[in-house]
PDB file of N, CA and C in Angstrom:
ATOM      1  N   UNK A   1     124.072  87.427 120.068  1.00  0.00           N
ATOM      2  CA  UNK A   1     122.775  87.297 120.717  1.00  0.00           C
ATOM      3  C   UNK A   1     121.675  87.976 119.906  1.00  0.00           C
ATOM      4  N   UNK A   2     121.984  89.078 119.214  1.00  0.00           N
ATOM      5  CA  UNK A   2     120.952  89.818 118.495  1.00  0.00           C
ATOM      6  C   UNK A   2     120.961  89.535 117.001  1.00  0.00           C
ATOM      7  N   UNK A   3     122.141  89.237 116.448  1.00  0.00           N
ATOM      8  CA  UNK A   3     122.239  89.033 115.012  1.00  0.00           C
ATOM      9  C   UNK A   3     121.450  87.798 114.593  1.00  0.00           C
ATOM     10  N   UNK A   4     120.803  87.903 113.452  1.00  0.00           N
ATOM     11  CA  UNK A   4     120.062  86.776 112.929  1.00  0.00           C
ATOM     12  C   UNK A   4     118.944  87.229 112.011  1.00  0.00           C
ATOM     13  N   UNK A   5     118.181  86.254 111.549  1.00  0.00           N
ATOM     14  CA  UNK A   5     117.025  86.493 110.696  1.00  0.00           C
ATOM     15  C   UNK A   5     115.767  86.348 111.550  1.00  0.00           C
ATOM     16  N   UNK A   6     114.837  87.280 111.388  1.00  0.00           N
ATOM     17  CA  UNK A   6     113.621  87.315 112.190  1.00  0.00           C
ATOM     18  C   UNK A   6     112.387  87.363 111.301  1.00  0.00           C
ATOM     19  N   UNK A   7     111.324  86.714 111.752  1.00  0.00           N
ATOM     20  CA  UNK A   7     110.008  86.832 111.136  1.00  0.00           C
ATOM     21  C   UNK A   7     109.228  87.856 111.945  1.00  0.00           C
ATOM     22  N   UNK A   8     108.634  88.812 111.249  1.00  0.00           N
ATOM     23  CA  UNK A   8     107.775  89.808 111.892  1.00  0.00           C
ATOM     24  C   UNK A   8     106.366  89.617 111.346  1.00  0.00           C
ATOM     25  N   UNK A   9     105.434  89.280 112.227  1.00  0.00           N
ATOM     26  CA  UNK A   9     104.024  89.195 111.859  1.00  0.00           C
ATOM     27  C   UNK A   9     103.362  90.450 112.400  1.00  0.00           C
ATOM     28  N   UNK A  10     102.559  91.127 111.575  1.00  0.00           N
ATOM     29  CA  UNK A  10     101.984  92.395 112.007  1.00  0.00           C
ATOM     30  C   UNK A  10     100.509  92.493 111.653  1.00  0.00           C
ATOM     31  N   UNK A  11      99.808  93.297 112.463  1.00  0.00           N
ATOM     32  CA  UNK A  11      98.367  93.494 112.314  1.00  0.00           C
ATOM     33  C   UNK A  11      98.054  94.960 112.539  1.00  0.00           C
ATOM     34  N   UNK A  12      97.406  95.577 111.554  1.00  0.00           N
ATOM     35  CA  UNK A  12      97.004  96.970 111.651  1.00  0.00           C
ATOM     36  C   UNK A  12      95.503  97.092 111.604  1.00  0.00           C
ATOM     37  N   UNK A  13      95.006  98.302 111.501  1.00  0.00           N
ATOM     38  CA  UNK A  13      93.576  98.580 111.497  1.00  0.00           C
ATOM     39  C   UNK A  13      92.846  97.901 110.342  1.00  0.00           C
ATOM     40  N   UNK A  14      93.518  97.788 109.171  1.00  0.00           N
ATOM     41  CA  UNK A  14      92.816  97.268 107.995  1.00  0.00           C
ATOM     42  C   UNK A  14      93.486  96.057 107.347  1.00  0.00           C
ATOM     43  N   UNK A  15      94.467  95.477 108.004  1.00  0.00           N
ATOM     44  CA  UNK A  15      95.096  94.323 107.380  1.00  0.00           C
ATOM     45  C   UNK A  15      96.207  93.741 108.222  1.00  0.00           C
ATOM     46  N   UNK A  16      96.815  92.702 107.681  1.00  0.00           N
ATOM     47  CA  UNK A  16      97.900  91.992 108.365  1.00  0.00           C
ATOM     48  C   UNK A  16      98.929  91.568 107.331  1.00  0.00           C
ATOM     49  N   UNK A  17     100.104  91.181 107.810  1.00  0.00           N
ATOM     50  CA  UNK A  17     101.135  90.718 106.900  1.00  0.00           C
ATOM     51  C   UNK A  17     102.314  90.147 107.644  1.00  0.00           C
ATOM     52  N   UNK A  18     103.339  89.803 106.876  1.00  0.00           N
ATOM     53  CA  UNK A  18     104.570  89.235 107.422  1.00  0.00           C
ATOM     54  C   UNK A  18     105.752  89.854 106.696  1.00  0.00           C
ATOM     55  N   UNK A  19     106.845  90.022 107.428  1.00  0.00           N
ATOM     56  CA  UNK A  19     108.085  90.536 106.849  1.00  0.00           C
ATOM     57  C   UNK A  19     109.239  89.715 107.392  1.00  0.00           C
ATOM     58  N   UNK A  20     110.322  89.730 106.675  1.00  0.00           N
ATOM     59  CA  UNK A  20     111.580  89.131 107.138  1.00  0.00           C
ATOM     60  C   UNK A  20     112.563  90.270 107.359  1.00  0.00           C
ATOM     61  N   UNK A  21     113.190  90.290 108.545  1.00  0.00           N
ATOM     62  CA  UNK A  21     114.227  91.273 108.851  1.00  0.00           C
ATOM     63  C   UNK A  21     115.512  90.536 109.204  1.00  0.00           C
ATOM     64  N   UNK A  22     116.630  91.066 108.736  1.00  0.00           N
ATOM     65  CA  UNK A  22     117.947  90.538 109.071  1.00  0.00           C
ATOM     66  C   UNK A  22     118.656  91.579 109.940  1.00  0.00           C
ATOM     67  N   UNK A  23     119.128  91.122 111.102  1.00  0.00           N
ATOM     68  CA  UNK A  23     119.889  91.957 112.034  1.00  0.00           C
ATOM     69  C   UNK A  23     121.335  91.469 111.993  1.00  0.00           C
ATOM     70  N   UNK A  24     122.254  92.386 111.641  1.00  0.00           N
ATOM     71  CA  UNK A  24     123.651  91.973 111.528  1.00  0.00           C
ATOM     72  C   UNK A  24     124.570  93.160 111.797  1.00  0.00           C
ATOM     73  N   UNK A  25     125.376  93.032 112.849  1.00  0.00           N
ATOM     74  CA  UNK A  25     126.388  94.042 113.182  1.00  0.00           C
ATOM     75  C   UNK A  25     125.817  95.451 113.300  1.00  0.00           C
ATOM     76  N   UNK A  26     124.656  95.591 113.943  1.00  0.00           N
ATOM     77  CA  UNK A  26     124.057  96.898 114.159  1.00  0.00           C
ATOM     78  C   UNK A  26     123.191  97.411 113.029  1.00  0.00           C
ATOM     79  N   UNK A  27     123.157  96.685 111.911  1.00  0.00           N
ATOM     80  CA  UNK A  27     122.343  97.062 110.751  1.00  0.00           C
ATOM     81  C   UNK A  27     121.149  96.115 110.681  1.00  0.00           C
ATOM     82  N   UNK A  28     119.998  96.653 110.305  1.00  0.00           N
ATOM     83  CA  UNK A  28     118.816  95.819 110.079  1.00  0.00           C
ATOM     84  C   UNK A  28     118.243  96.176 108.706  1.00  0.00           C
ATOM     85  N   UNK A  29     117.827  95.142 107.968  1.00  0.00           N
ATOM     86  CA  UNK A  29     117.204  95.363 106.664  1.00  0.00           C
ATOM     87  C   UNK A  29     116.218  94.242 106.396  1.00  0.00           C
ATOM     88  N   UNK A  30     115.258  94.512 105.539  1.00  0.00           N
ATOM     89  CA  UNK A  30     114.281  93.484 105.225  1.00  0.00           C
ATOM     90  C   UNK A  30     113.242  93.957 104.237  1.00  0.00           C
ATOM     91  N   UNK A  31     112.218  93.103 104.085  1.00  0.00           N
ATOM     92  CA  UNK A  31     111.193  93.348 103.071  1.00  0.00           C
ATOM     93  C   UNK A  31     109.956  92.536 103.423  1.00  0.00           C
ATOM     94  N   UNK A  32     108.787  93.077 103.041  1.00  0.00           N
ATOM     95  CA  UNK A  32     107.583  92.263 103.043  1.00  0.00           C
ATOM     96  C   UNK A  32     107.104  92.223 101.595  1.00  0.00           C
ATOM     97  N   UNK A  33     105.834  92.055 101.348  1.00  0.00           N
ATOM     98  CA  UNK A  33     105.391  91.960  99.954  1.00  0.00           C
ATOM     99  C   UNK A  33     105.389  93.295  99.226  1.00  0.00           C
ATOM    100  N   UNK A  34     105.696  94.390  99.938  1.00  0.00           N
ATOM    101  CA  UNK A  34     105.740  95.678  99.263  1.00  0.00           C
ATOM    102  C   UNK A  34     106.693  96.679  99.883  1.00  0.00           C
ATOM    103  N   UNK A  35     106.795  96.702 101.199  1.00  0.00           N
ATOM    104  CA  UNK A  35     107.557  97.725 101.911  1.00  0.00           C
ATOM    105  C   UNK A  35     108.994  97.257 102.146  1.00  0.00           C
ATOM    106  N   UNK A  36     109.938  98.201 102.025  1.00  0.00           N
ATOM    107  CA  UNK A  36     111.363  97.946 102.255  1.00  0.00           C
ATOM    108  C   UNK A  36     111.734  98.539 103.613  1.00  0.00           C
ATOM    109  N   UNK A  37     112.491  97.799 104.403  1.00  0.00           N
ATOM    110  CA  UNK A  37     112.898  98.214 105.741  1.00  0.00           C
ATOM    111  C   UNK A  37     114.419  98.336 105.792  1.00  0.00           C
ATOM    112  N   UNK A  38     114.923  99.479 106.279  1.00  0.00           N
ATOM    113  CA  UNK A  38     116.358  99.688 106.453  1.00  0.00           C
ATOM    114  C   UNK A  38     116.573 100.467 107.746  1.00  0.00           C
ATOM    115  N   UNK A  39     117.592 100.091 108.518  1.00  0.00           N
ATOM    116  CA  UNK A  39     117.846 100.841 109.736  1.00  0.00           C
ATOM    117  C   UNK A  39     119.003 100.314 110.550  1.00  0.00           C
ATOM    118  N   UNK A  40     118.933 100.647 111.847  1.00  0.00           N
ATOM    119  CA  UNK A  40     119.990 100.287 112.790  1.00  0.00           C
ATOM    120  C   UNK A  40     119.349  99.752 114.060  1.00  0.00           C
ATOM    121  N   UNK A  41     120.146  98.990 114.817  1.00  0.00           N
ATOM    122  CA  UNK A  41     119.685  98.505 116.116  1.00  0.00           C
ATOM    123  C   UNK A  41     120.860  98.452 117.068  1.00  0.00           C
ATOM    124  N   UNK A  42     120.531  98.475 118.360  1.00  0.00           N
ATOM    125  CA  UNK A  42     121.535  98.337 119.410  1.00  0.00           C
ATOM    126  C   UNK A  42     120.860  97.780 120.645  1.00  0.00           C
ATOM    127  N   UNK A  43     121.612  97.087 121.497  1.00  0.00           N
ATOM    128  CA  UNK A  43     121.028  96.575 122.729  1.00  0.00           C
ATOM    129  C   UNK A  43     120.585  97.741 123.615  1.00  0.00           C
ATOM    130  N   UNK A  44     119.501  97.550 124.341  1.00  0.00           N
ATOM    131  CA  UNK A  44     119.055  98.553 125.303  1.00  0.00           C
ATOM    132  C   UNK A  44     120.048  98.591 126.464  1.00  0.00           C
ATOM    133  N   UNK A  45     120.452  99.776 126.835  1.00  0.00           N
ATOM    134  CA  UNK A  45     121.446  99.892 127.905  1.00  0.00           C
ATOM    135  C   UNK A  45     120.882  99.455 129.253  1.00  0.00           C
ATOM    136  N   UNK A  46     119.572  99.571 129.463  1.00  0.00           N
ATOM    137  CA  UNK A  46     118.976  99.201 130.743  1.00  0.00           C
ATOM    138  C   UNK A  46     118.427  97.772 130.782  1.00  0.00           C
ATOM    139  N   UNK A  47     118.380  97.094 129.619  1.00  0.00           N
ATOM    140  CA  UNK A  47     117.868  95.721 129.574  1.00  0.00           C
ATOM    141  C   UNK A  47     118.416  95.013 128.333  1.00  0.00           C
ATOM    142  N   UNK A  48     119.499  94.248 128.469  1.00  0.00           N
ATOM    143  CA  UNK A  48     120.123  93.616 127.297  1.00  0.00           C
ATOM    144  C   UNK A  48     119.252  92.555 126.619  1.00  0.00           C
ATOM    145  N   UNK A  49     118.090  92.232 127.187  1.00  0.00           N
ATOM    146  CA  UNK A  49     117.173  91.289 126.541  1.00  0.00           C
ATOM    147  C   UNK A  49     116.317  91.974 125.477  1.00  0.00           C
ATOM    148  N   UNK A  50     116.515  93.287 125.305  1.00  0.00           N
ATOM    149  CA  UNK A  50     115.757  94.055 124.329  1.00  0.00           C
ATOM    150  C   UNK A  50     116.709  94.822 123.420  1.00  0.00           C
ATOM    151  N   UNK A  51     116.190  95.203 122.253  1.00  0.00           N
ATOM    152  CA  UNK A  51     116.947  96.006 121.297  1.00  0.00           C
ATOM    153  C   UNK A  51     116.185  97.295 121.008  1.00  0.00           C
ATOM    154  N   UNK A  52     116.921  98.397 120.867  1.00  0.00           N
ATOM    155  CA  UNK A  52     116.360  99.635 120.333  1.00  0.00           C
ATOM    156  C   UNK A  52     116.525  99.569 118.822  1.00  0.00           C
ATOM    157  N   UNK A  53     115.436  99.790 118.106  1.00  0.00           N
ATOM    158  CA  UNK A  53     115.450  99.669 116.652  1.00  0.00           C
ATOM    159  C   UNK A  53     114.934 100.960 116.031  1.00  0.00           C
ATOM    160  N   UNK A  54     115.667 101.476 115.061  1.00  0.00           N
ATOM    161  CA  UNK A  54     115.247 102.630 114.275  1.00  0.00           C
ATOM    162  C   UNK A  54     115.179 102.177 112.823  1.00  0.00           C
ATOM    163  N   UNK A  55     114.001 102.277 112.234  1.00  0.00           N
ATOM    164  CA  UNK A  55     113.798 101.817 110.856  1.00  0.00           C
ATOM    165  C   UNK A  55     113.250 102.927 109.980  1.00  0.00           C
ATOM    166  N   UNK A  56     113.723 102.956 108.754  1.00  0.00           N
ATOM    167  CA  UNK A  56     113.144 103.804 107.710  1.00  0.00           C
ATOM    168  C   UNK A  56     112.401 102.860 106.775  1.00  0.00           C
ATOM    169  N   UNK A  57     111.112 103.081 106.621  1.00  0.00           N
ATOM    170  CA  UNK A  57     110.297 102.260 105.742  1.00  0.00           C
ATOM    171  C   UNK A  57     110.085 102.999 104.431  1.00  0.00           C
ATOM    172  N   UNK A  58     110.335 102.314 103.328  1.00  0.00           N
ATOM    173  CA  UNK A  58     110.105 102.862 101.994  1.00  0.00           C
ATOM    174  C   UNK A  58     108.897 102.151 101.420  1.00  0.00           C
ATOM    175  N   UNK A  59     107.873 102.943 101.107  1.00  0.00           N
ATOM    176  CA  UNK A  59     106.618 102.397 100.586  1.00  0.00           C
ATOM    177  C   UNK A  59     106.527 102.755  99.103  1.00  0.00           C
ATOM    178  N   UNK A  60     106.630 101.762  98.215  1.00  0.00           N
ATOM    179  CA  UNK A  60     106.530 102.040  96.777  1.00  0.00           C
ATOM    180  C   UNK A  60     105.136 102.563  96.403  1.00  0.00           C
ATOM    181  N   UNK A  61     105.055 103.264  95.292  1.00  0.00           N
ATOM    182  CA  UNK A  61     103.745 103.740  94.833  1.00  0.00           C
ATOM    183  C   UNK A  61     102.814 102.546  94.630  1.00  0.00           C
ATOM    184  N   UNK A  62     101.543 102.745  94.936  1.00  0.00           N
ATOM    185  CA  UNK A  62     100.554 101.700  94.720  1.00  0.00           C
ATOM    186  C   UNK A  62     100.423 100.688  95.840  1.00  0.00           C
ATOM    187  N   UNK A  63     101.161 100.855  96.949  1.00  0.00           N
ATOM    188  CA  UNK A  63     101.112  99.900  98.059  1.00  0.00           C
ATOM    189  C   UNK A  63     100.296 100.493  99.205  1.00  0.00           C
ATOM    190  N   UNK A  64      99.283  99.770  99.685  1.00  0.00           N
ATOM    191  CA  UNK A  64      98.487 100.185 100.845  1.00  0.00           C
ATOM    192  C   UNK A  64      99.178  99.724 102.122  1.00  0.00           C
ATOM    193  N   UNK A  65      98.935 100.432 103.222  1.00  0.00           N
ATOM    194  CA  UNK A  65      99.474 100.039 104.523  1.00  0.00           C
ATOM    195  C   UNK A  65      98.385  99.441 105.397  1.00  0.00           C
ATOM    196  N   UNK A  66      98.768  98.545 106.285  1.00  0.00           N
ATOM    197  CA  UNK A  66      97.807  97.890 107.176  1.00  0.00           C
ATOM    198  C   UNK A  66      97.192  98.868 108.174  1.00  0.00           C
ATOM    199  N   UNK A  67      97.765 100.063 108.314  1.00  0.00           N
ATOM    200  CA  UNK A  67      97.201 101.076 109.190  1.00  0.00           C
ATOM    201  C   UNK A  67      95.996 101.776 108.552  1.00  0.00           C
ATOM    202  N   UNK A  68      95.693 101.458 107.309  1.00  0.00           N
ATOM    203  CA  UNK A  68      94.561 102.062 106.627  1.00  0.00           C
ATOM    204  C   UNK A  68      94.947 103.115 105.601  1.00  0.00           C
ATOM    205  N   UNK A  69      96.236 103.281 105.337  1.00  0.00           N
ATOM    206  CA  UNK A  69      96.683 104.237 104.319  1.00  0.00           C
ATOM    207  C   UNK A  69      96.466 103.596 102.949  1.00  0.00           C
ATOM    208  N   UNK A  70      95.665 104.235 102.078  1.00  0.00           N
ATOM    209  CA  UNK A  70      95.434 103.661 100.752  1.00  0.00           C
ATOM    210  C   UNK A  70      96.676 103.779  99.875  1.00  0.00           C
ATOM    211  N   UNK A  71      96.710 103.056  98.768  1.00  0.00           N
ATOM    212  CA  UNK A  71      97.829 103.175  97.841  1.00  0.00           C
ATOM    213  C   UNK A  71      98.026 104.628  97.406  1.00  0.00           C
ATOM    214  N   UNK A  72      99.289 105.050  97.361  1.00  0.00           N
ATOM    215  CA  UNK A  72      99.622 106.424  96.984  1.00  0.00           C
ATOM    216  C   UNK A  72     100.215 106.446  95.572  1.00  0.00           C
ATOM    217  N   UNK A  73     100.135 107.589  94.887  1.00  0.00           N
ATOM    218  CA  UNK A  73     100.635 107.677  93.507  1.00  0.00           C
ATOM    219  C   UNK A  73     102.155 107.793  93.402  1.00  0.00           C
ATOM    220  N   UNK A  74     102.839 107.998  94.538  1.00  0.00           N
ATOM    221  CA  UNK A  74     104.298 108.129  94.511  1.00  0.00           C
ATOM    222  C   UNK A  74     104.898 107.415  95.720  1.00  0.00           C
ATOM    223  N   UNK A  75     106.139 106.982  95.589  1.00  0.00           N
ATOM    224  CA  UNK A  75     106.861 106.363  96.699  1.00  0.00           C
ATOM    225  C   UNK A  75     107.006 107.373  97.836  1.00  0.00           C
ATOM    226  N   UNK A  76     106.958 106.884  99.081  1.00  0.00           N
ATOM    227  CA  UNK A  76     107.199 107.744 100.233  1.00  0.00           C
ATOM    228  C   UNK A  76     107.898 106.945 101.322  1.00  0.00           C
ATOM    229  N   UNK A  77     108.427 107.666 102.310  1.00  0.00           N
ATOM    230  CA  UNK A  77     109.174 107.056 103.413  1.00  0.00           C
ATOM    231  C   UNK A  77     108.634 107.557 104.740  1.00  0.00           C
ATOM    232  N   UNK A  78     108.837 106.761 105.776  1.00  0.00           N
ATOM    233  CA  UNK A  78     108.601 107.224 107.136  1.00  0.00           C
ATOM    234  C   UNK A  78     109.483 106.409 108.066  1.00  0.00           C
ATOM    235  N   UNK A  79     109.675 106.938 109.274  1.00  0.00           N
ATOM    236  CA  UNK A  79     110.546 106.287 110.237  1.00  0.00           C
ATOM    237  C   UNK A  79     109.764 105.830 111.457  1.00  0.00           C
ATOM    238  N   UNK A  80     110.244 104.737 112.044  1.00  0.00           N
ATOM    239  CA  UNK A  80     109.716 104.272 113.317  1.00  0.00           C
ATOM    240  C   UNK A  80     110.895 103.982 114.245  1.00  0.00           C
ATOM    241  N   UNK A  81     110.662 104.172 115.517  1.00  0.00           N
ATOM    242  CA  UNK A  81     111.637 103.871 116.560  1.00  0.00           C
ATOM    243  C   UNK A  81     110.907 103.062 117.608  1.00  0.00           C
ATOM    244  N   UNK A  82     111.474 101.918 117.972  1.00  0.00           N
ATOM    245  CA  UNK A  82     110.809 101.061 118.937  1.00  0.00           C
ATOM    246  C   UNK A  82     111.827 100.238 119.710  1.00  0.00           C
ATOM    247  N   UNK A  83     111.334  99.564 120.700  1.00  0.00           N
ATOM    248  CA  UNK A  83     112.130  98.650 121.529  1.00  0.00           C
ATOM    249  C   UNK A  83     111.485  97.278 121.388  1.00  0.00           C
ATOM    250  N   UNK A  84     112.282  96.283 121.004  1.00  0.00           N
ATOM    251  CA  UNK A  84     111.731  94.947 120.783  1.00  0.00           C
ATOM    252  C   UNK A  84     112.515  93.914 121.577  1.00  0.00           C
ATOM    253  N   UNK A  85     111.855  92.816 121.954  1.00  0.00           N
ATOM    254  CA  UNK A  85     112.579  91.738 122.630  1.00  0.00           C
ATOM    255  C   UNK A  85     113.527  91.047 121.656  1.00  0.00           C
ATOM    256  N   UNK A  86     114.717  90.740 122.120  1.00  0.00           N
ATOM    257  CA  UNK A  86     115.710  90.038 121.297  1.00  0.00           C
ATOM    258  C   UNK A  86     115.425  88.542 121.335  1.00  0.00           C
ATOM    259  N   UNK A  87     115.249  87.947 120.164  1.00  0.00           N
ATOM    260  CA  UNK A  87     115.052  86.507 120.005  1.00  0.00           C
ATOM    261  C   UNK A  87     113.903  85.966 120.844  1.00  0.00           C
ATOM    262  N   UNK A  88     112.827  86.729 120.976  1.00  0.00           N
ATOM    263  CA  UNK A  88     111.650  86.277 121.716  1.00  0.00           C
ATOM    264  C   UNK A  88     110.411  86.527 120.876  1.00  0.00           C
ATOM    265  N   UNK A  89     109.316  85.906 121.229  1.00  0.00           N
ATOM    266  CA  UNK A  89     108.094  86.047 120.452  1.00  0.00           C
ATOM    267  C   UNK A  89     107.017  86.863 121.125  1.00  0.00           C
ATOM    268  N   UNK A  90     107.374  87.728 122.071  1.00  0.00           N
ATOM    269  CA  UNK A  90     106.375  88.511 122.787  1.00  0.00           C
ATOM    270  C   UNK A  90     105.721  89.541 121.867  1.00  0.00           C
ATOM    271  N   UNK A  91     104.386  89.685 121.947  1.00  0.00           N
ATOM    272  CA  UNK A  91     103.719  90.698 121.127  1.00  0.00           C
ATOM    273  C   UNK A  91     103.980  92.103 121.676  1.00  0.00           C
ATOM    274  N   UNK A  92     104.136  93.065 120.768  1.00  0.00           N
ATOM    275  CA  UNK A  92     104.292  94.464 121.154  1.00  0.00           C
ATOM    276  C   UNK A  92     103.500  95.330 120.180  1.00  0.00           C
ATOM    277  N   UNK A  93     103.283  96.571 120.558  1.00  0.00           N
ATOM    278  CA  UNK A  93     102.642  97.533 119.665  1.00  0.00           C
ATOM    279  C   UNK A  93     103.672  98.563 119.260  1.00  0.00           C
ATOM    280  N   UNK A  94     103.775  98.805 117.954  1.00  0.00           N
ATOM    281  CA  UNK A  94     104.700  99.792 117.415  1.00  0.00           C
ATOM    282  C   UNK A  94     103.871 100.986 116.954  1.00  0.00           C
ATOM    283  N   UNK A  95     104.246 102.170 117.437  1.00  0.00           N
ATOM    284  CA  UNK A  95     103.569 103.389 116.999  1.00  0.00           C
ATOM    285  C   UNK A  95     104.227 103.876 115.712  1.00  0.00           C
ATOM    286  N   UNK A  96     103.405 104.157 114.708  1.00  0.00           N
ATOM    287  CA  UNK A  96     103.888 104.698 113.441  1.00  0.00           C
ATOM    288  C   UNK A  96     103.198 106.044 113.208  1.00  0.00           C
ATOM    289  N   UNK A  97     103.678 106.852 112.274  1.00  0.00           N
ATOM    290  CA  UNK A  97     102.998 108.114 111.974  1.00  0.00           C
ATOM    291  C   UNK A  97     101.565 107.920 111.477  1.00  0.00           C
ATOM    292  N   UNK A  98     101.211 106.710 111.063  1.00  0.00           N
ATOM    293  CA  UNK A  98      99.896 106.445 110.486  1.00  0.00           C
ATOM    294  C   UNK A  98      99.003 105.600 111.394  1.00  0.00           C
ATOM    295  N   UNK A  99      99.456 105.327 112.602  1.00  0.00           N
ATOM    296  CA  UNK A  99      98.671 104.550 113.554  1.00  0.00           C
ATOM    297  C   UNK A  99      99.457 103.366 114.079  1.00  0.00           C
ATOM    298  N   UNK A 100      98.920 102.739 115.136  1.00  0.00           N
ATOM    299  CA  UNK A 100      99.625 101.627 115.763  1.00  0.00           C
ATOM    300  C   UNK A 100      99.560 100.349 114.930  1.00  0.00           C
ATOM    301  N   UNK A 101     100.603  99.531 115.100  1.00  0.00           N
ATOM    302  CA  UNK A 101     100.651  98.211 114.468  1.00  0.00           C
ATOM    303  C   UNK A 101     101.072  97.208 115.537  1.00  0.00           C
ATOM    304  N   UNK A 102     100.287  96.166 115.712  1.00  0.00           N
ATOM    305  CA  UNK A 102     100.632  95.088 116.649  1.00  0.00           C
ATOM    306  C   UNK A 102     101.581  94.142 115.928  1.00  0.00           C
ATOM    307  N   UNK A 103     102.714  93.824 116.564  1.00  0.00           N
ATOM    308  CA  UNK A 103     103.661  92.912 115.933  1.00  0.00           C
ATOM    309  C   UNK A 103     104.065  91.806 116.893  1.00  0.00           C
ATOM    310  N   UNK A 104     104.482  90.737 116.306  1.00  0.00           N
ATOM    311  CA  UNK A 104     105.123  89.648 117.024  1.00  0.00           C
ATOM    312  C   UNK A 104     106.373  89.318 116.224  1.00  0.00           C
ATOM    313  N   UNK A 105     107.521  89.349 116.890  1.00  0.00           N
ATOM    314  CA  UNK A 105     108.785  89.086 116.206  1.00  0.00           C
ATOM    315  C   UNK A 105     109.355  87.783 116.743  1.00  0.00           C
ATOM    316  N   UNK A 106     109.791  86.930 115.837  1.00  0.00           N
ATOM    317  CA  UNK A 106     110.319  85.617 116.221  1.00  0.00           C
ATOM    318  C   UNK A 106     111.657  85.368 115.531  1.00  0.00           C
ATOM    319  N   UNK A 107     112.611  84.934 116.303  1.00  0.00           N
ATOM    320  CA  UNK A 107     113.928  84.580 115.786  1.00  0.00           C
ATOM    321  C   UNK A 107     113.792  83.337 114.915  1.00  0.00           C
ATOM    322  N   UNK A 108     114.361  83.379 113.701  1.00  0.00           N
ATOM    323  CA  UNK A 108     114.309  82.237 112.790  1.00  0.00           C
ATOM    324  C   UNK A 108     115.618  81.469 112.731  1.00  0.00           C
ATOM    325  N   UNK A 109     116.732  82.200 112.565  1.00  0.00           N
ATOM    326  CA  UNK A 109     118.005  81.516 112.423  1.00  0.00           C
ATOM    327  C   UNK A 109     119.167  82.493 112.610  1.00  0.00           C
ATOM    328  N   UNK A 110     120.340  81.911 112.881  1.00  0.00           N
ATOM    329  CA  UNK A 110     121.563  82.687 112.989  1.00  0.00           C
ATOM    330  C   UNK A 110     122.051  83.093 111.601  1.00  0.00           C
ATOM    331  N   UNK A 111     122.914  84.104 111.558  1.00  0.00           N
ATOM    332  CA  UNK A 111     123.597  84.486 110.330  1.00  0.00           C
ATOM    333  C   UNK A 111     124.592  83.380 110.006  1.00  0.00           C
ATOM    334  N   UNK A 112     124.613  82.866 108.788  1.00  0.00           N
ATOM    335  CA  UNK A 112     125.585  81.816 108.452  1.00  0.00           C
ATOM    336  C   UNK A 112     127.028  82.299 108.685  1.00  0.00           C
ATOM    337  N   UNK A 113     127.869  81.413 109.148  1.00  0.00           N
ATOM    338  CA  UNK A 113     129.268  81.771 109.440  1.00  0.00           C
ATOM    339  C   UNK A 113     129.987  82.356 108.237  1.00  0.00           C
ATOM    340  N   UNK A 114     129.701  81.861 107.041  1.00  0.00           N
ATOM    341  CA  UNK A 114     130.370  82.350 105.842  1.00  0.00           C
ATOM    342  C   UNK A 114     130.033  83.810 105.565  1.00  0.00           C
ATOM    343  N   UNK A 115     128.862  84.248 105.972  1.00  0.00           N
ATOM    344  CA  UNK A 115     128.446  85.634 105.767  1.00  0.00           C
ATOM    345  C   UNK A 115     128.934  86.522 106.911  1.00  0.00           C
ATOM    346  N   UNK A 116     128.858  85.999 108.120  1.00  0.00           N
ATOM    347  CA  UNK A 116     129.210  86.783 109.313  1.00  0.00           C
ATOM    348  C   UNK A 116     130.710  87.045 109.421  1.00  0.00           C
ATOM    349  N   UNK A 117     131.520  86.246 108.766  1.00  0.00           N
ATOM    350  CA  UNK A 117     132.982  86.384 108.899  1.00  0.00           C
ATOM    351  C   UNK A 117     133.537  87.573 108.187  1.00  0.00           C
TER     352      UNK A 117
END
């Protein structure tokens, strides 16, 4: 129900973008045009239609964030923890250390059987 490939569209104070995230067996990973996403997810115990997601974002040097953070001279990391709808397109706001980001997550496809096996 949760495993698959997702499109994440996001909007911050100074910009917008898109990322692809893959959810598979409790692990989530992905990338946008600059930031790397790695983490874990699990179904919410009180609502199985949602997932608890913990992500570590790696921002390479020279990459600006949509929250208004200008490009930095060195790579840095930060973590976010959020609850997202599983395989739904409802908009939510994710709080980050640098400000809120509005996101919409949409299920794209299942994990191919050859990979999931």
